[in-house]
């Protein structure tokens, strides 16, 4: 895997470090944060769909 360097403020670096566990690399931490962000986005979109539907049929009615 090719790596790169990303410059961030020391405060951001320290915050990233606080999300990790012993032995985690910054790559591990960022990967977990990205997965969580994608999950949150998915759930927000799902709730928007649920809120916009005018009528739902329950599974019992089917």
Protein backbone atom coordinates (compact mmCIF):
# COMPACT_ATOMS: atom_id res chain seq x y z
CA UNK A 1 0.00 0.00 0.00
CA UNK A 2 1.30 3.42 -0.88
CA UNK A 3 1.25 5.98 1.93
CA UNK A 4 1.07 9.75 1.99
CA UNK A 5 1.53 12.50 4.52
CA UNK A 6 -1.34 14.76 5.54
CA UNK A 7 -0.56 17.85 7.57
CA UNK A 8 -2.98 18.59 10.41
CA UNK A 9 -2.86 20.82 13.47
CA UNK A 10 -1.53 19.20 16.61
CA UNK A 11 -4.98 19.56 18.21
CA UNK A 12 -6.54 17.49 15.39
CA UNK A 13 -3.74 14.92 15.70
CA UNK A 14 -4.38 14.63 19.44
CA UNK A 15 -8.14 14.33 18.88
CA UNK A 16 -7.57 11.58 16.31
CA UNK A 17 -5.30 9.79 18.77
CA UNK A 18 -8.09 9.91 21.39
CA UNK A 19 -10.37 7.91 19.06
CA UNK A 20 -7.86 5.09 18.76
CA UNK A 21 -6.91 2.17 20.91
CA UNK A 22 -3.48 0.96 21.83
CA UNK A 23 -1.75 -0.25 18.69
CA UNK A 24 -4.08 1.55 16.26
CA UNK A 25 -2.44 3.50 13.49
CA UNK A 26 -3.85 6.79 12.24
CA UNK A 27 -4.95 4.83 9.18
CA UNK A 28 -6.94 2.45 11.43
CA UNK A 29 -8.53 5.37 13.28
CA UNK A 30 -9.47 7.24 10.10
CA UNK A 31 -10.89 4.07 8.54
CA UNK A 32 -13.15 3.52 11.58
CA UNK A 33 -14.28 7.16 11.57
CA UNK A 34 -15.09 7.02 7.86
CA UNK A 35 -17.11 3.82 8.33
CA UNK A 36 -19.06 5.43 11.17
CA UNK A 37 -19.69 8.59 9.15
CA UNK A 38 -21.01 6.52 6.24
CA UNK A 39 -23.29 4.59 8.62
CA UNK A 40 -24.64 7.82 10.12
CA UNK A 41 -25.28 9.22 6.62
CA UNK A 42 -27.09 6.01 5.64
CA UNK A 43 -29.27 6.11 8.76
CA UNK A 44 -30.12 9.79 8.27
CA UNK A 45 -31.18 9.11 4.68
CA UNK A 46 -33.23 6.10 5.82
CA UNK A 47 -35.08 8.18 8.41
CA UNK A 48 -35.77 10.86 5.79
CA UNK A 49 -37.43 8.22 3.61
CA UNK A 50 -39.47 6.95 6.54
CA UNK A 51 -40.58 10.49 7.40
CA UNK A 52 -41.62 11.35 3.85
CA UNK A 53 -43.77 8.32 3.10
CA UNK A 54 -47.42 9.21 3.49
CA UNK A 55 -48.83 5.80 4.15
CA UNK A 56 -47.22 2.58 5.15
CA UNK A 57 -48.75 -0.87 5.31
CA UNK A 58 -47.81 -2.92 8.31
CA UNK A 59 -46.39 -6.40 7.81
CA UNK A 60 -49.38 -7.77 9.70
CA UNK A 61 -51.73 -6.24 7.11
CA UNK A 62 -49.85 -7.87 4.28
